Amino acid sequence: MNRLKWLSVFVLMVLLVGSLVWPATTLAAPGSTVMSPASLSMAMFAESSGGASLFSFSGSRPTNLGVKDGKLAACPGSPNCVNSQAPGSDAEHYIAPLSYSGTPAEAIARLKGIITAMPRTRIITESDHYLYAEFTSALMGFVDDVEFYVDEAAGVVQVRSASRLGQSDLDVNRKRVEEIRAKL
């Protein structure tokens, strides 16, 4: 492909990303982690192997993650998040919790095995009842924060998967959770 075609593809990608990310800065729910265009970091990688993304739209790691009073953080108003603790009437954000057998530590170990086998993942925090991982998209380097909490009282694994940036995720977070559910 000649330089002009590569430049055209690059410009189209920037326009696409801009239409997904930048409008969300005005639509974000209070307290959500959405970066302004000025602070959005875009880094090109020359690396062609090792699972690196071509770009990096990673944003900042949210500060509201973790389990507080038995709950994972609520989803923001944008449709790029699913949460098993969202009200069942919230079809846009609700997803069924995961089933597990054995001890909470065994459930977390199984989840960790599934997640580390998936491409472009990184375990950030792990305990006997909680697992937090980052998933990075292949092309643009968008980062999703995914949390699992073994809720012994309910007998399930609560899950939250949310995009850090943008408005739409093209249902990636829901599909990821369902893929993990199928392997669990």
C-alpha atoms as a PDB file:
ATOM      1  CA  MET A   1       0.000   0.000   0.000  1.00  0.00           C
ATOM      2  CA  ASN A   2       1.439   3.353  -0.895  1.00  0.00           C
ATOM      3  CA  ARG A   3       1.883   6.259   1.535  1.00  0.00           C
ATOM      4  CA  LEU A   4      -1.300   8.054   0.466  1.00  0.00           C
ATOM      5  CA  LYS A   5      -3.438   4.987   1.164  1.00  0.00           C
ATOM      6  CA  TRP A   6      -1.788   4.486   4.572  1.00  0.00           C
ATOM      7  CA  LEU A   7      -2.369   8.130   5.408  1.00  0.00           C
ATOM      8  CA  SER A   8      -6.027   7.830   4.377  1.00  0.00           C
ATOM      9  CA  VAL A   9      -6.490   4.780   6.585  1.00  0.00           C
ATOM     10  CA  PHE A  10      -4.818   6.570   9.498  1.00  0.00           C
ATOM     11  CA  VAL A  11      -7.012   9.659   9.110  1.00  0.00           C
ATOM     12  CA  LEU A  12     -10.157   7.500   8.989  1.00  0.00           C
ATOM     13  CA  MET A  13      -9.082   5.679  12.149  1.00  0.00           C
ATOM     14  CA  VAL A  14      -8.452   8.959  13.978  1.00  0.00           C
ATOM     15  CA  LEU A  15     -11.866  10.244  12.894  1.00  0.00           C
ATOM     16  CA  LEU A  16     -13.555   7.027  14.035  1.00  0.00           C
ATOM     17  CA  VAL A  17     -11.831   7.075  17.390  1.00  0.00           C
ATOM     18  CA  GLY A  18     -12.546  10.767  17.795  1.00  0.00           C
ATOM     19  CA  SER A  19     -16.244  10.203  17.190  1.00  0.00           C
ATOM     20  CA  LEU A  20     -16.324   7.433  19.801  1.00  0.00           C
ATOM     21  CA  VAL A  21     -14.129   9.014  22.481  1.00  0.00           C
ATOM     22  CA  TRP A  22     -14.406  12.774  22.341  1.00  0.00           C
ATOM     23  CA  PRO A  23     -18.213  13.193  22.413  1.00  0.00           C
ATOM     24  CA  ALA A  24     -18.268  11.082  25.574  1.00  0.00           C
ATOM     25  CA  THR A  25     -16.446  13.795  27.488  1.00  0.00           C
ATOM     26  CA  THR A  26     -19.658  15.798  27.538  1.00  0.00           C
ATOM     27  CA  LEU A  27     -21.950  12.781  28.074  1.00  0.00           C
ATOM     28  CA  ALA A  28     -20.087  11.087  30.903  1.00  0.00           C
ATOM     29  CA  ALA A  29     -21.825  10.371  34.172  1.00  0.00           C
ATOM     30  CA  PRO A  30     -20.574  12.295  37.194  1.00  0.00           C
ATOM     31  CA  GLY A  31     -17.687  10.467  38.833  1.00  0.00           C
ATOM     32  CA  SER A  32     -16.889   8.338  35.776  1.00  0.00           C
ATOM     33  CA  THR A  33     -13.383   8.198  34.374  1.00  0.00           C
ATOM     34  CA  VAL A  34     -13.442   9.808  30.940  1.00  0.00           C
ATOM     35  CA  MET A  35     -10.469  11.815  29.773  1.00  0.00           C
ATOM     36  CA  SER A  36     -10.613  15.086  27.900  1.00  0.00           C
ATOM     37  CA  PRO A  37      -9.168  15.153  24.381  1.00  0.00           C
ATOM     38  CA  ALA A  38      -6.274  17.272  25.628  1.00  0.00           C
ATOM     39  CA  SER A  39      -5.218  14.667  28.185  1.00  0.00           C
ATOM     40  CA  LEU A  40      -5.877  11.631  25.986  1.00  0.00           C
ATOM     41  CA  SER A  41      -2.578   9.854  25.459  1.00  0.00           C
ATOM     42  CA  MET A  42      -1.958   8.443  22.003  1.00  0.00           C
ATOM     43  CA  ALA A  43       1.236   6.552  21.482  1.00  0.00           C
ATOM     44  CA  MET A  44       2.189   4.637  18.362  1.00  0.00           C
ATOM     45  CA  PHE A  45       3.983   1.351  18.766  1.00  0.00           C
ATOM     46  CA  ALA A  46       6.482   0.148  16.183  1.00  0.00           C
ATOM     47  CA  GLU A  47       6.306  -3.298  17.696  1.00  0.00           C
ATOM     48  CA  SER A  48       4.686  -5.832  15.378  1.00  0.00           C
ATOM     49  CA  SER A  49       4.730  -8.835  17.687  1.00  0.00           C
ATOM     50  CA  GLY A  50       3.988  -9.691  21.262  1.00  0.00           C
ATOM     51  CA  GLY A  51       0.339  -8.646  21.186  1.00  0.00           C
ATOM     52  CA  ALA A  52       0.986  -4.900  21.413  1.00  0.00           C
ATOM     53  CA  SER A  53      -1.681  -2.535  20.138  1.00  0.00           C
ATOM     54  CA  LEU A  54      -0.963  -0.187  17.266  1.00  0.00           C
ATOM     55  CA  PHE A  55      -2.173   2.776  19.354  1.00  0.00           C
ATOM     56  CA  SER A  56      -2.671   3.318  23.064  1.00  0.00           C
ATOM     57  CA  PHE A  57      -5.876   4.949  24.246  1.00  0.00           C
ATOM     58  CA  SER A  58      -5.513   3.598  27.751  1.00  0.00           C
ATOM     59  CA  GLY A  59      -6.764   6.461  29.882  1.00  0.00           C
ATOM     60  CA  SER A  60      -6.149   6.467  33.619  1.00  0.00           C
ATOM     61  CA  ARG A  61      -6.902   3.590  35.943  1.00  0.00           C
ATOM     62  CA  PRO A  62     -10.162   4.341  37.783  1.00  0.00           C
ATOM     63  CA  THR A  63      -9.967   5.070  41.486  1.00  0.00           C
ATOM     64  CA  ASN A  64     -13.448   3.759  42.327  1.00  0.00           C
ATOM     65  CA  LEU A  65     -12.771   0.050  41.712  1.00  0.00           C
ATOM     66  CA  GLY A  66     -12.873  -2.718  44.285  1.00  0.00           C
ATOM     67  CA  VAL A  67     -15.536  -4.065  46.614  1.00  0.00           C
ATOM     68  CA  LYS A  68     -17.201  -1.599  48.956  1.00  0.00           C
ATOM     69  CA  ASP A  69     -19.904  -2.904  51.297  1.00  0.00           C
ATOM     70  CA  GLY A  70     -20.260  -6.036  49.153  1.00  0.00           C
ATOM     71  CA  LYS A  71     -20.736  -4.069  45.937  1.00  0.00           C
ATOM     72  CA  LEU A  72     -18.693  -3.370  42.830  1.00  0.00           C
ATOM     73  CA  ALA A  73     -18.849   0.163  41.410  1.00  0.00           C
ATOM     74  CA  ALA A  74     -22.030   1.021  39.552  1.00  0.00           C
ATOM     75  CA  CYS A  75     -21.873   1.488  35.795  1.00  0.00           C
ATOM     76  CA  PRO A  76     -21.746   5.042  34.464  1.00  0.00           C
ATOM     77  CA  GLY A  77     -24.617   6.240  32.282  1.00  0.00           C
ATOM     78  CA  SER A  78     -22.793   5.254  29.081  1.00  0.00           C
ATOM     79  CA  PRO A  79     -23.608   1.895  27.437  1.00  0.00           C
ATOM     80  CA  ASN A  80     -20.003   0.606  27.587  1.00  0.00           C
ATOM     81  CA  CYS A  81     -20.310  -1.221  30.929  1.00  0.00           C
ATOM     82  CA  VAL A  82     -21.995  -4.339  32.299  1.00  0.00           C
ATOM     83  CA  ASN A  83     -22.489  -5.176  35.973  1.00  0.00           C
ATOM     84  CA  SER A  84     -24.145  -8.178  37.612  1.00  0.00           C
ATOM     85  CA  GLN A  85     -25.165  -5.967  40.530  1.00  0.00           C
ATOM     86  CA  ALA A  86     -27.057  -3.488  38.326  1.00  0.00           C
ATOM     87  CA  PRO A  87     -30.841  -3.658  38.686  1.00  0.00           C
ATOM     88  CA  GLY A  88     -32.393  -6.378  36.519  1.00  0.00           C
ATOM     89  CA  SER A  89     -34.595  -3.702  34.950  1.00  0.00           C
ATOM     90  CA  ASP A  90     -31.452  -1.990  33.559  1.00  0.00           C
ATOM     91  CA  ALA A  91     -31.135  -4.178  30.444  1.00  0.00           C
ATOM     92  CA  GLU A  92     -28.333  -2.013  29.054  1.00  0.00           C
ATOM     93  CA  HIS A  93     -26.001  -2.662  32.010  1.00  0.00           C
ATOM     94  CA  TYR A  94     -27.280  -5.785  33.777  1.00  0.00           C
ATOM     95  CA  ILE A  95     -25.571  -9.108  33.167  1.00  0.00           C
ATOM     96  CA  ALA A  96     -26.148 -12.298  35.133  1.00  0.00           C
ATOM     97  CA  PRO A  97     -23.525 -13.153  37.766  1.00  0.00           C
ATOM     98  CA  LEU A  98     -21.230 -16.134  37.189  1.00  0.00           C
ATOM     99  CA  SER A  99     -21.756 -19.509  38.837  1.00  0.00           C
ATOM    100  CA  TYR A 100     -18.938 -21.213  40.704  1.00  0.00           C
ATOM    101  CA  SER A 101     -18.247 -24.354  42.659  1.00  0.00           C
ATOM    102  CA  GLY A 102     -15.652 -25.069  45.304  1.00  0.00           C
ATOM    103  CA  THR A 103     -14.110 -22.403  47.486  1.00  0.00           C
ATOM    104  CA  PRO A 104     -13.860 -18.712  46.619  1.00  0.00           C
ATOM    105  CA  ALA A 105     -10.080 -19.090  46.205  1.00  0.00           C
ATOM    106  CA  GLU A 106     -10.626 -21.953  43.723  1.00  0.00           C
ATOM    107  CA  ALA A 107     -13.115 -19.830  41.759  1.00  0.00           C
ATOM    108  CA  ILE A 108     -10.633 -16.949  41.590  1.00  0.00           C
ATOM    109  CA  ALA A 109      -7.861 -19.337  40.495  1.00  0.00           C
ATOM    110  CA  ARG A 110     -10.078 -20.693  37.668  1.00  0.00           C
ATOM    111  CA  LEU A 111     -10.943 -17.154  36.568  1.00  0.00           C
ATOM    112  CA  LYS A 112      -7.281 -16.166  36.645  1.00  0.00           C
ATOM    113  CA  GLY A 113      -6.391 -19.143  34.435  1.00  0.00           C
ATOM    114  CA  ILE A 114      -9.079 -18.223  31.901  1.00  0.00           C
ATOM    115  CA  ILE A 115      -8.126 -14.542  31.857  1.00  0.00           C
ATOM    116  CA  THR A 116      -4.368 -15.031  31.549  1.00  0.00           C
ATOM    117  CA  ALA A 117      -4.985 -17.296  28.535  1.00  0.00           C
ATOM    118  CA  MET A 118      -6.818 -14.454  26.770  1.00  0.00           C
ATOM    119  CA  PRO A 119      -4.794 -12.011  24.622  1.00  0.00           C
ATOM    120  CA  ARG A 120      -3.665  -8.600  25.882  1.00  0.00           C
ATOM    121  CA  THR A 121      -4.695  -9.100  29.506  1.00  0.00           C
ATOM    122  CA  ARG A 122      -3.010  -8.138  32.733  1.00  0.00           C
ATOM    123  CA  ILE A 123      -3.972  -9.114  36.273  1.00  0.00           C
ATOM    124  CA  ILE A 124      -3.800  -6.018  38.483  1.00  0.00           C
ATOM    125  CA  THR A 125      -5.172  -7.193  41.848  1.00  0.00           C
ATOM    126  CA  GLU A 126      -5.929 -10.655  43.205  1.00  0.00           C
ATOM    127  CA  SER A 127      -7.160 -11.998  46.541  1.00  0.00           C
ATOM    128  CA  ASP A 128      -9.171 -15.014  47.707  1.00  0.00           C
ATOM    129  CA  HIS A 129     -12.455 -13.245  46.857  1.00  0.00           C
ATOM    130  CA  TYR A 130     -11.537 -10.609  44.255  1.00  0.00           C
ATOM    131  CA  LEU A 131      -9.792 -10.361  40.889  1.00  0.00           C
ATOM    132  CA  TYR A 132      -9.200  -7.220  38.827  1.00  0.00           C
ATOM    133  CA  ALA A 133      -7.801  -7.393  35.298  1.00  0.00           C
ATOM    134  CA  GLU A 134      -7.201  -4.999  32.429  1.00  0.00           C
ATOM    135  CA  PHE A 135      -8.039  -6.011  28.870  1.00  0.00           C
ATOM    136  CA  THR A 136      -6.532  -4.017  25.976  1.00  0.00           C
ATOM    137  CA  SER A 137      -8.052  -3.939  22.486  1.00  0.00           C
ATOM    138  CA  ALA A 138      -5.856  -5.116  19.624  1.00  0.00           C
ATOM    139  CA  LEU A 139      -5.856  -2.163  17.252  1.00  0.00           C
ATOM    140  CA  MET A 140      -6.552   1.009  19.197  1.00  0.00           C
ATOM    141  CA  GLY A 141      -5.326   0.014  22.649  1.00  0.00           C
ATOM    142  CA  PHE A 142      -8.536   0.845  24.520  1.00  0.00           C
ATOM    143  CA  VAL A 143      -8.447  -0.531  28.064  1.00  0.00           C
ATOM    144  CA  ASP A 144     -11.390  -2.175  29.827  1.00  0.00           C
ATOM    145  CA  ASP A 145     -11.410  -2.733  33.581  1.00  0.00           C
ATOM    146  CA  VAL A 146     -12.902  -6.091  34.571  1.00  0.00           C
ATOM    147  CA  GLU A 147     -13.619  -7.114  38.160  1.00  0.00           C
ATOM    148  CA  PHE A 148     -14.789 -10.351  39.726  1.00  0.00           C
ATOM    149  CA  TYR A 149     -16.023 -10.651  43.309  1.00  0.00           C
ATOM    150  CA  VAL A 150     -16.908 -13.996  44.889  1.00  0.00           C
ATOM    151  CA  ASP A 151     -20.101 -13.163  46.780  1.00  0.00           C
ATOM    152  CA  GLU A 152     -20.359 -16.088  49.185  1.00  0.00           C
ATOM    153  CA  ALA A 153     -23.648 -14.858  50.659  1.00  0.00           C
ATOM    154  CA  ALA A 154     -25.307 -14.971  47.214  1.00  0.00           C
ATOM    155  CA  GLY A 155     -23.328 -18.044  46.071  1.00  0.00           C
ATOM    156  CA  VAL A 156     -22.182 -16.368  42.836  1.00  0.00           C
ATOM    157  CA  VAL A 157     -19.320 -14.404  41.327  1.00  0.00           C
ATOM    158  CA  GLN A 158     -20.341 -10.792  40.774  1.00  0.00           C
ATOM    159  CA  VAL A 159     -18.762  -9.213  37.702  1.00  0.00           C
ATOM    160  CA  ARG A 160     -18.249  -5.715  36.328  1.00  0.00           C
ATOM    161  CA  SER A 161     -16.648  -4.961  32.955  1.00  0.00           C
ATOM    162  CA  ALA A 162     -16.315  -1.346  31.827  1.00  0.00           C
ATOM    163  CA  SER A 163     -14.525   0.632  29.144  1.00  0.00           C
ATOM    164  CA  ARG A 164     -12.388   3.473  30.470  1.00  0.00           C
ATOM    165  CA  LEU A 165     -12.917   5.759  27.517  1.00  0.00           C
ATOM    166  CA  GLY A 166     -15.588   6.443  24.976  1.00  0.00           C
ATOM    167  CA  GLN A 167     -19.300   6.025  24.708  1.00  0.00           C
ATOM    168  CA  SER A 168     -19.894   2.795  22.807  1.00  0.00           C
ATOM    169  CA  ASP A 169     -17.980  -0.450  23.142  1.00  0.00           C
ATOM    170  CA  LEU A 170     -19.878  -2.322  20.393  1.00  0.00           C
ATOM    171  CA  ASP A 171     -20.988  -4.777  23.139  1.00  0.00           C
ATOM    172  CA  VAL A 172     -17.390  -5.944  23.754  1.00  0.00           C
ATOM    173  CA  ASN A 173     -17.722  -5.968  27.556  1.00  0.00           C
ATOM    174  CA  ARG A 174     -20.885  -8.131  27.502  1.00  0.00           C
ATOM    175  CA  LYS A 175     -19.378 -10.555  24.966  1.00  0.00           C
ATOM    176  CA  ARG A 176     -16.183 -10.868  27.039  1.00  0.00           C
ATOM    177  CA  VAL A 177     -18.096 -11.762  30.202  1.00  0.00           C
ATOM    178  CA  GLU A 178     -20.154 -14.331  28.279  1.00  0.00           C
ATOM    179  CA  GLU A 179     -16.946 -15.820  26.821  1.00  0.00           C
ATOM    180  CA  ILE A 180     -15.507 -16.141  30.322  1.00  0.00           C
ATOM    181  CA  ARG A 181     -18.798 -17.635  31.580  1.00  0.00           C
ATOM    182  CA  ALA A 182     -18.652 -20.303  28.855  1.00  0.00           C
ATOM    183  CA  LYS A 183     -15.106 -21.299  29.898  1.00  0.00           C
ATOM    184  CA  LEU A 184     -15.737 -21.263  33.662  1.00  0.00           C
END
